[in-house]
Amino acid sequence: MRSLSEFENILWDDKIVRKLWDKHKIMPFEVEEVLTKPVLGPVPDVRHSKKDARYAVVGVTDQNKYLRVVYIEGGKAIKIIHARKASKELIIRYEKAVEDIEKKI
């Protein structure tokens, strides 16, 4: 588990914002909530990384909505590429990671 709070800015493209809402009913603030909390990952998104290295994380919003977020790192900023509801498998992996951390505390 890792927090992405070390990044100072989250960059958005207007087309991505519209697509997230139109296709997945996800608002930018939900993605930002996920990125300010501990996340599962990041995992390189090799399949879709053509020009820039893309990374995927899984996290949860304040409303307990589990999201998979894909982004590109650039200095102290990240640019959001995609977000969608996390699959059941990813949710289970996220919850197991949280449970493992809580056992260690």
C-alpha atoms as a PDB file:
ATOM      1  CA  MET A   1       0.000   0.000   0.000  1.00  0.00           C
ATOM      2  CA  ARG A   2       1.239   3.443  -0.864  1.00  0.00           C
ATOM      3  CA  SER A   3      -0.006   7.019  -0.767  1.00  0.00           C
ATOM      4  CA  LEU A   4       0.389   9.253  -3.796  1.00  0.00           C
ATOM      5  CA  SER A   5       0.226  12.406  -1.677  1.00  0.00           C
ATOM      6  CA  GLU A   6       3.855  13.234  -2.572  1.00  0.00           C
ATOM      7  CA  PHE A   7       2.608  14.583  -5.910  1.00  0.00           C
ATOM      8  CA  GLU A   8       1.779  18.285  -5.724  1.00  0.00           C
ATOM      9  CA  ASN A   9      -0.660  18.465  -8.640  1.00  0.00           C
ATOM     10  CA  ILE A  10      -3.227  16.304 -10.350  1.00  0.00           C
ATOM     11  CA  LEU A  11      -3.651  17.265 -13.996  1.00  0.00           C
ATOM     12  CA  TRP A  12      -6.911  16.757 -15.859  1.00  0.00           C
ATOM     13  CA  ASP A  13      -7.816  16.802 -19.541  1.00  0.00           C
ATOM     14  CA  ASP A  14     -11.370  18.038 -20.220  1.00  0.00           C
ATOM     15  CA  LYS A  15     -12.031  15.079 -22.539  1.00  0.00           C
ATOM     16  CA  ILE A  16     -11.041  12.638 -19.773  1.00  0.00           C
ATOM     17  CA  VAL A  17     -13.292  14.379 -17.238  1.00  0.00           C
ATOM     18  CA  ARG A  18     -16.277  14.151 -19.601  1.00  0.00           C
ATOM     19  CA  LYS A  19     -15.524  10.518 -20.476  1.00  0.00           C
ATOM     20  CA  LEU A  20     -15.213   9.514 -16.807  1.00  0.00           C
ATOM     21  CA  TRP A  21     -18.668  10.901 -16.114  1.00  0.00           C
ATOM     22  CA  ASP A  22     -20.386   9.833 -19.349  1.00  0.00           C
ATOM     23  CA  LYS A  23     -19.040   6.290 -19.348  1.00  0.00           C
ATOM     24  CA  HIS A  24     -18.373   5.464 -15.686  1.00  0.00           C
ATOM     25  CA  LYS A  25     -20.271   8.080 -13.596  1.00  0.00           C
ATOM     26  CA  ILE A  26     -17.039   9.056 -11.826  1.00  0.00           C
ATOM     27  CA  MET A  27     -16.330  12.645 -10.780  1.00  0.00           C
ATOM     28  CA  PRO A  28     -12.802  14.116 -10.558  1.00  0.00           C
ATOM     29  CA  PHE A  29     -13.113  14.674  -6.795  1.00  0.00           C
ATOM     30  CA  GLU A  30     -13.665  10.919  -6.348  1.00  0.00           C
ATOM     31  CA  VAL A  31     -10.418  10.130  -8.161  1.00  0.00           C
ATOM     32  CA  GLU A  32      -8.624  12.738  -6.070  1.00  0.00           C
ATOM     33  CA  GLU A  33     -10.030  11.187  -2.862  1.00  0.00           C
ATOM     34  CA  VAL A  34      -8.603   7.830  -3.897  1.00  0.00           C
ATOM     35  CA  LEU A  35      -5.191   9.334  -4.606  1.00  0.00           C
ATOM     36  CA  THR A  36      -4.923  11.058  -1.213  1.00  0.00           C
ATOM     37  CA  LYS A  37      -5.376   7.776   0.676  1.00  0.00           C
ATOM     38  CA  PRO A  38      -3.335   4.567   0.744  1.00  0.00           C
ATOM     39  CA  VAL A  39      -3.702   2.734  -2.575  1.00  0.00           C
ATOM     40  CA  LEU A  40      -2.909  -0.748  -3.835  1.00  0.00           C
ATOM     41  CA  GLY A  41      -0.105  -0.347  -6.319  1.00  0.00           C
ATOM     42  CA  PRO A  42       1.153   1.350  -8.343  1.00  0.00           C
ATOM     43  CA  VAL A  43       1.466  -1.346 -10.968  1.00  0.00           C
ATOM     44  CA  PRO A  44       2.901  -0.535 -14.409  1.00  0.00           C
ATOM     45  CA  ASP A  45       0.178  -0.572 -17.084  1.00  0.00           C
ATOM     46  CA  VAL A  46       2.512  -2.069 -19.684  1.00  0.00           C
ATOM     47  CA  ARG A  47      -0.220  -3.057 -22.125  1.00  0.00           C
ATOM     48  CA  HIS A  48      -1.308   0.553 -22.640  1.00  0.00           C
ATOM     49  CA  SER A  49       2.042   2.330 -22.157  1.00  0.00           C
ATOM     50  CA  LYS A  50       3.064   3.372 -25.647  1.00  0.00           C
ATOM     51  CA  LYS A  51       4.602   6.855 -25.303  1.00  0.00           C
ATOM     52  CA  ASP A  52       4.680   7.342 -21.533  1.00  0.00           C
ATOM     53  CA  ALA A  53       4.858   4.907 -18.641  1.00  0.00           C
ATOM     54  CA  ARG A  54       1.377   4.453 -17.179  1.00  0.00           C
ATOM     55  CA  TYR A  55       0.628   3.235 -13.685  1.00  0.00           C
ATOM     56  CA  ALA A  56      -2.550   1.801 -12.167  1.00  0.00           C
ATOM     57  CA  VAL A  57      -3.685   1.918  -8.544  1.00  0.00           C
ATOM     58  CA  VAL A  58      -6.765   0.733  -6.679  1.00  0.00           C
ATOM     59  CA  GLY A  59      -8.297   2.694  -3.847  1.00  0.00           C
ATOM     60  CA  VAL A  60     -11.531   3.718  -2.184  1.00  0.00           C
ATOM     61  CA  THR A  61     -13.443   7.015  -2.011  1.00  0.00           C
ATOM     62  CA  ASP A  62     -15.023   8.539   1.087  1.00  0.00           C
ATOM     63  CA  GLN A  63     -18.308   6.963  -0.057  1.00  0.00           C
ATOM     64  CA  ASN A  64     -16.701   3.474  -0.221  1.00  0.00           C
ATOM     65  CA  LYS A  65     -16.611   3.435  -4.013  1.00  0.00           C
ATOM     66  CA  TYR A  66     -13.650   1.308  -5.166  1.00  0.00           C
ATOM     67  CA  LEU A  67     -11.842   2.716  -8.196  1.00  0.00           C
ATOM     68  CA  ARG A  68      -8.977   1.659 -10.448  1.00  0.00           C
ATOM     69  CA  VAL A  69      -7.113   4.790 -11.545  1.00  0.00           C
ATOM     70  CA  VAL A  70      -4.540   4.974 -14.351  1.00  0.00           C
ATOM     71  CA  TYR A  71      -2.127   7.902 -14.515  1.00  0.00           C
ATOM     72  CA  ILE A  72       1.164   9.186 -15.917  1.00  0.00           C
ATOM     73  CA  GLU A  73       3.839  10.676 -13.662  1.00  0.00           C
ATOM     74  CA  GLY A  74       5.522  13.914 -14.655  1.00  0.00           C
ATOM     75  CA  GLY A  75       7.817  15.519 -12.099  1.00  0.00           C
ATOM     76  CA  LYS A  76       5.728  16.474  -9.071  1.00  0.00           C
ATOM     77  CA  ALA A  77       2.431  16.032 -10.921  1.00  0.00           C
ATOM     78  CA  ILE A  78       0.351  13.173 -12.187  1.00  0.00           C
ATOM     79  CA  LYS A  79      -1.985  13.270 -15.170  1.00  0.00           C
ATOM     80  CA  ILE A  80      -5.127  11.177 -14.961  1.00  0.00           C
ATOM     81  CA  ILE A  81      -5.621   8.948 -17.992  1.00  0.00           C
ATOM     82  CA  HIS A  82      -8.516   6.734 -16.934  1.00  0.00           C
ATOM     83  CA  ALA A  83     -10.602   5.621 -13.973  1.00  0.00           C
ATOM     84  CA  ARG A  84     -13.341   3.050 -13.572  1.00  0.00           C
ATOM     85  CA  LYS A  85     -15.043   0.993 -10.932  1.00  0.00           C
ATOM     86  CA  ALA A  86     -12.629  -1.637  -9.620  1.00  0.00           C
ATOM     87  CA  SER A  87     -13.360  -5.277 -10.442  1.00  0.00           C
ATOM     88  CA  LYS A  88     -14.385  -7.670  -7.663  1.00  0.00           C
ATOM     89  CA  GLU A  89     -10.948  -9.289  -7.853  1.00  0.00           C
ATOM     90  CA  LEU A  90      -9.201  -5.942  -7.353  1.00  0.00           C
ATOM     91  CA  ILE A  91     -11.505  -5.032  -4.463  1.00  0.00           C
ATOM     92  CA  ILE A  92     -10.689  -8.322  -2.734  1.00  0.00           C
ATOM     93  CA  ARG A  93      -6.947  -7.733  -3.220  1.00  0.00           C
ATOM     94  CA  TYR A  94      -7.269  -4.171  -1.870  1.00  0.00           C
ATOM     95  CA  GLU A  95      -9.226  -5.280   1.199  1.00  0.00           C
ATOM     96  CA  LYS A  96      -6.729  -8.087   1.884  1.00  0.00           C
ATOM     97  CA  ALA A  97      -3.837  -5.613   1.738  1.00  0.00           C
ATOM     98  CA  VAL A  98      -5.630  -3.313   4.209  1.00  0.00           C
ATOM     99  CA  GLU A  99      -6.355  -6.278   6.481  1.00  0.00           C
ATOM    100  CA  ASP A 100      -2.704  -7.385   6.385  1.00  0.00           C
ATOM    101  CA  ILE A 101      -1.550  -3.884   7.336  1.00  0.00           C
ATOM    102  CA  GLU A 102      -4.034  -3.701  10.213  1.00  0.00           C
ATOM    103  CA  LYS A 103      -2.760  -7.033  11.572  1.00  0.00           C
ATOM    104  CA  LYS A 104       0.761  -5.598  11.741  1.00  0.00           C
ATOM    105  CA  ILE A 105      -0.343  -2.549  13.727  1.00  0.00           C
END
